[in-house]
């Protein structure tokens, strides 16, 4: 065998070996010792709960009584003759002024009136005030007086309800005639009976203007 033939055989053999190695490397290139894990399936998060808030309902504010305007005068509430019959020394006090913070001032604020009669000898004052209120407000006043004053059955002869209280110096009578709240206050009222001679005619006059 000639040298050229052997050389070609060796070269062919080497070529086949190289081809085999190349094929093996191609096959091995498709493998890995660290296989890639499949991507996890996407998960859909549950929607976050939506907080619902309920707006607080405002409580209705209590209404402040406004009163109904009084259209009659002090001389119609108690006539000069009726005051004279109570005590001849008492007459209308032209300098009478309602003191702030008093029950009379509260009644005037309710569109009522307040009147003053003065004893010309002793300068003792009788204060008489009246307000015209809605039925619910009249009832509220009665409920307050049940606690703060004393029911006087004899006043009921001319009124729906009547109360009397004293602080030891000044007596106060509260009488309700229909939708009218009548208040009398004086240092000459020591007990309920001291005011009855004015309560009765004033209550009767209120019934006439109702």
Protein backbone atom coordinates (compact mmCIF):
# COMPACT_ATOMS: atom_id res chain seq x y z
CA UNK A 1 0.00 0.00 0.00
CA UNK A 2 1.38 3.34 -1.00
CA UNK A 3 2.06 6.16 1.41
CA UNK A 4 -0.40 8.46 -0.31
CA UNK A 5 -3.25 5.99 0.08
CA UNK A 6 -2.49 5.50 3.77
CA UNK A 7 -2.33 9.18 4.31
CA UNK A 8 -5.73 9.59 2.72
CA UNK A 9 -7.13 6.76 4.86
CA UNK A 10 -5.80 8.36 8.00
CA UNK A 11 -7.25 11.67 6.99
CA UNK A 12 -10.62 10.10 6.20
CA UNK A 13 -10.59 8.30 9.54
CA UNK A 14 -9.77 11.46 11.37
CA UNK A 15 -12.55 13.22 9.49
CA UNK A 16 -15.07 10.56 10.51
CA UNK A 17 -13.88 10.75 14.11
CA UNK A 18 -14.16 14.51 14.10
CA UNK A 19 -17.63 14.26 12.59
CA UNK A 20 -18.67 11.78 15.27
CA UNK A 21 -17.34 14.01 18.03
CA UNK A 22 -19.06 17.02 16.53
CA UNK A 23 -22.38 15.16 16.39
CA UNK A 24 -21.99 14.05 19.99
CA UNK A 25 -21.24 17.59 21.08
CA UNK A 26 -24.35 18.83 19.27
CA UNK A 27 -26.47 16.24 21.09
CA UNK A 28 -24.89 17.13 24.43
CA UNK A 29 -25.41 20.82 23.74
CA UNK A 30 -29.17 20.22 23.92
CA UNK A 31 -28.86 18.98 27.53
CA UNK A 32 -28.12 20.82 30.78
CA UNK A 33 -27.35 19.70 34.27
CA UNK A 34 -29.53 22.59 35.61
CA UNK A 35 -32.91 22.21 34.01
CA UNK A 36 -35.01 25.42 34.04
CA UNK A 37 -38.17 25.02 36.10
CA UNK A 38 -41.35 25.95 34.31
CA UNK A 39 -42.53 29.46 35.03
CA UNK A 40 -45.19 29.41 37.72
CA UNK A 41 -48.68 30.01 36.54
CA UNK A 42 -49.88 33.52 37.15
CA UNK A 43 -52.15 33.83 40.16
CA UNK A 44 -54.86 36.39 40.36
CA UNK A 45 -54.93 38.07 43.74
CA UNK A 46 -58.34 38.37 45.34
CA UNK A 47 -59.52 41.98 45.19
CA UNK A 48 -58.98 43.86 48.42
CA UNK A 49 -62.22 44.34 50.33
CA UNK A 50 -63.67 47.79 49.84
CA UNK A 51 -64.55 49.44 53.07
CA UNK A 52 -67.95 51.03 53.03
CA UNK A 53 -68.66 53.81 55.41
CA UNK A 54 -72.08 55.10 56.25
CA UNK A 55 -72.25 58.79 56.87
CA UNK A 56 -73.61 59.46 60.35
CA UNK A 57 -77.12 60.81 60.38
CA UNK A 58 -77.22 64.05 62.26
CA UNK A 59 -79.77 64.16 65.04
CA UNK A 60 -82.25 66.94 64.66
CA UNK A 61 -81.34 69.83 66.83
CA UNK A 62 -83.90 70.77 69.40
CA UNK A 63 -85.88 73.79 68.33
CA UNK A 64 -85.92 76.87 70.50
CA UNK A 65 -89.41 78.15 71.26
CA UNK A 66 -90.08 81.48 69.60
CA UNK A 67 -93.54 82.23 70.92
CA UNK A 68 -96.51 83.89 69.28
CA UNK A 69 -96.64 87.69 69.55
CA UNK A 70 -98.91 89.06 72.26
CA UNK A 71 -101.28 91.65 70.81
CA UNK A 72 -102.94 92.97 73.97
CA UNK A 73 -101.67 95.44 76.58
CA UNK A 74 -100.92 95.34 80.29
CA UNK A 75 -104.19 97.14 81.03
CA UNK A 76 -106.03 94.34 79.22
CA UNK A 77 -104.14 91.65 81.10
CA UNK A 78 -105.07 93.27 84.41
CA UNK A 79 -107.33 96.31 84.34
CA UNK A 80 -106.68 99.24 86.72
CA UNK A 81 -109.90 98.33 88.51
CA UNK A 82 -108.75 94.75 89.09
CA UNK A 83 -105.39 95.91 90.43
CA UNK A 84 -107.13 98.43 92.70
CA UNK A 85 -109.41 95.68 94.00
CA UNK A 86 -106.32 93.68 94.93
CA UNK A 87 -104.70 96.57 96.79
CA UNK A 88 -105.59 100.25 96.43
CA UNK A 89 -101.94 101.25 96.93
CA UNK A 90 -100.79 99.54 93.72
CA UNK A 91 -100.69 101.32 90.40
CA UNK A 92 -98.91 101.02 87.07
CA UNK A 93 -95.17 101.66 87.31
CA UNK A 94 -94.10 103.86 84.37
CA UNK A 95 -90.41 103.28 85.21
CA UNK A 96 -90.74 99.50 85.16
CA UNK A 97 -87.94 97.78 83.24
CA UNK A 98 -87.51 94.04 82.78
CA UNK A 99 -84.29 92.85 84.41
CA UNK A 100 -82.05 90.68 82.20
CA UNK A 101 -81.80 87.02 83.16
CA UNK A 102 -85.18 86.92 84.90
CA UNK A 103 -88.23 84.82 84.04
CA UNK A 104 -89.93 88.00 82.85
CA UNK A 105 -87.04 88.60 80.42
CA UNK A 106 -87.41 85.04 79.14
CA UNK A 107 -91.12 85.61 78.53
CA UNK A 108 -90.46 88.89 76.70
CA UNK A 109 -87.92 87.04 74.52
CA UNK A 110 -90.78 84.70 73.57
CA UNK A 111 -92.61 87.74 72.14
CA UNK A 112 -94.64 88.11 75.31
CA UNK A 113 -95.19 91.13 77.52
CA UNK A 114 -94.20 91.95 81.08
CA UNK A 115 -95.93 94.53 83.26
CA UNK A 116 -95.08 96.15 86.57
CA UNK A 117 -97.33 97.53 89.29
CA UNK A 118 -95.80 99.44 92.15
CA UNK A 119 -97.01 99.94 95.71
CA UNK A 120 -97.00 103.71 96.05
CA UNK A 121 -96.31 103.43 99.78
CA UNK A 122 -93.83 100.58 100.20
CA UNK A 123 -92.34 100.55 96.66
CA UNK A 124 -92.97 96.80 96.48
CA UNK A 125 -93.25 95.61 92.91
CA UNK A 126 -95.63 93.10 91.35
CA UNK A 127 -94.34 91.73 88.08
CA UNK A 128 -96.82 90.03 85.73
CA UNK A 129 -95.74 88.54 82.40
CA UNK A 130 -97.46 86.39 79.81
CA UNK A 131 -96.35 84.46 76.71
CA UNK A 132 -98.38 82.76 74.00
CA UNK A 133 -96.75 79.41 73.17
CA UNK A 134 -97.34 76.37 71.02
CA UNK A 135 -99.00 73.42 72.82
CA UNK A 136 -95.75 71.40 72.91
CA UNK A 137 -93.90 74.31 74.51
CA UNK A 138 -96.67 74.81 77.07
CA UNK A 139 -96.38 71.13 77.99
CA UNK A 140 -92.60 71.46 78.32
CA UNK A 141 -93.03 74.38 80.74
CA UNK A 142 -95.47 72.40 82.84
CA UNK A 143 -93.05 69.49 83.03
CA UNK A 144 -90.27 71.81 84.20
CA UNK A 145 -92.47 73.31 86.92
CA UNK A 146 -93.53 69.88 88.19
CA UNK A 147 -89.91 69.50 89.28
CA UNK A 148 -89.01 73.05 90.27
CA UNK A 149 -92.28 74.31 91.78
CA UNK A 150 -95.41 73.12 93.60
CA UNK A 151 -98.80 72.38 92.10
CA UNK A 152 -101.59 74.57 93.52
CA UNK A 153 -105.03 72.92 93.14
CA UNK A 154 -106.91 76.16 93.93
CA UNK A 155 -105.41 77.82 90.85
CA UNK A 156 -107.12 75.16 88.74
CA UNK A 157 -110.46 76.86 89.37
CA UNK A 158 -109.58 79.45 86.74
CA UNK A 159 -106.65 77.83 84.90
CA UNK A 160 -105.58 74.51 83.42
CA UNK A 161 -102.71 74.21 85.89
CA UNK A 162 -101.08 76.46 88.46
CA UNK A 163 -97.83 76.38 90.44
CA UNK A 164 -96.27 78.41 93.22
CA UNK A 165 -92.80 78.62 94.70
CA UNK A 166 -90.86 81.02 96.89
CA UNK A 167 -87.21 81.56 97.72
CA UNK A 168 -88.12 82.99 101.11
CA UNK A 169 -88.18 86.56 99.85
CA UNK A 170 -90.05 86.58 96.56
CA UNK A 171 -92.99 84.36 95.66
CA UNK A 172 -93.73 83.28 92.11
CA UNK A 173 -96.95 81.95 90.61
CA UNK A 174 -97.06 80.22 87.21
CA UNK A 175 -100.45 79.61 85.64
CA UNK A 176 -101.41 78.04 82.31
CA UNK A 177 -104.55 79.11 80.49
CA UNK A 178 -104.90 77.36 77.15
CA UNK A 179 -101.77 78.30 75.19
CA UNK A 180 -100.84 81.13 77.57
CA UNK A 181 -98.13 80.97 80.20
CA UNK A 182 -98.84 83.53 82.92
CA UNK A 183 -96.20 84.36 85.51
CA UNK A 184 -96.56 86.60 88.57
CA UNK A 185 -93.70 87.48 90.89
CA UNK A 186 -93.52 89.72 93.95
CA UNK A 187 -92.22 90.10 97.47
CA UNK A 188 -95.87 90.45 98.60
CA UNK A 189 -96.54 86.82 97.61
CA UNK A 190 -95.62 84.73 100.62
CA UNK A 191 -97.93 81.82 99.78
CA UNK A 192 -100.20 80.74 96.90
CA UNK A 193 -103.25 82.47 98.38
CA UNK A 194 -101.52 85.86 98.29
CA UNK A 195 -101.53 85.82 94.50
CA UNK A 196 -104.98 84.34 93.91
CA UNK A 197 -106.69 87.76 93.81
CA UNK A 198 -104.59 88.63 90.76
CA UNK A 199 -104.35 85.15 89.25
CA UNK A 200 -108.13 84.82 88.91
CA UNK A 201 -108.87 88.08 87.02
CA UNK A 202 -105.77 87.73 84.81
CA UNK A 203 -106.68 84.15 83.89
CA UNK A 204 -110.25 85.21 83.15
CA UNK A 205 -109.01 88.02 80.91
CA UNK A 206 -106.75 85.59 79.03
CA UNK A 207 -109.73 83.34 78.35
CA UNK A 208 -111.44 86.36 76.83
CA UNK A 209 -108.58 87.11 74.41
CA UNK A 210 -107.98 83.47 73.43
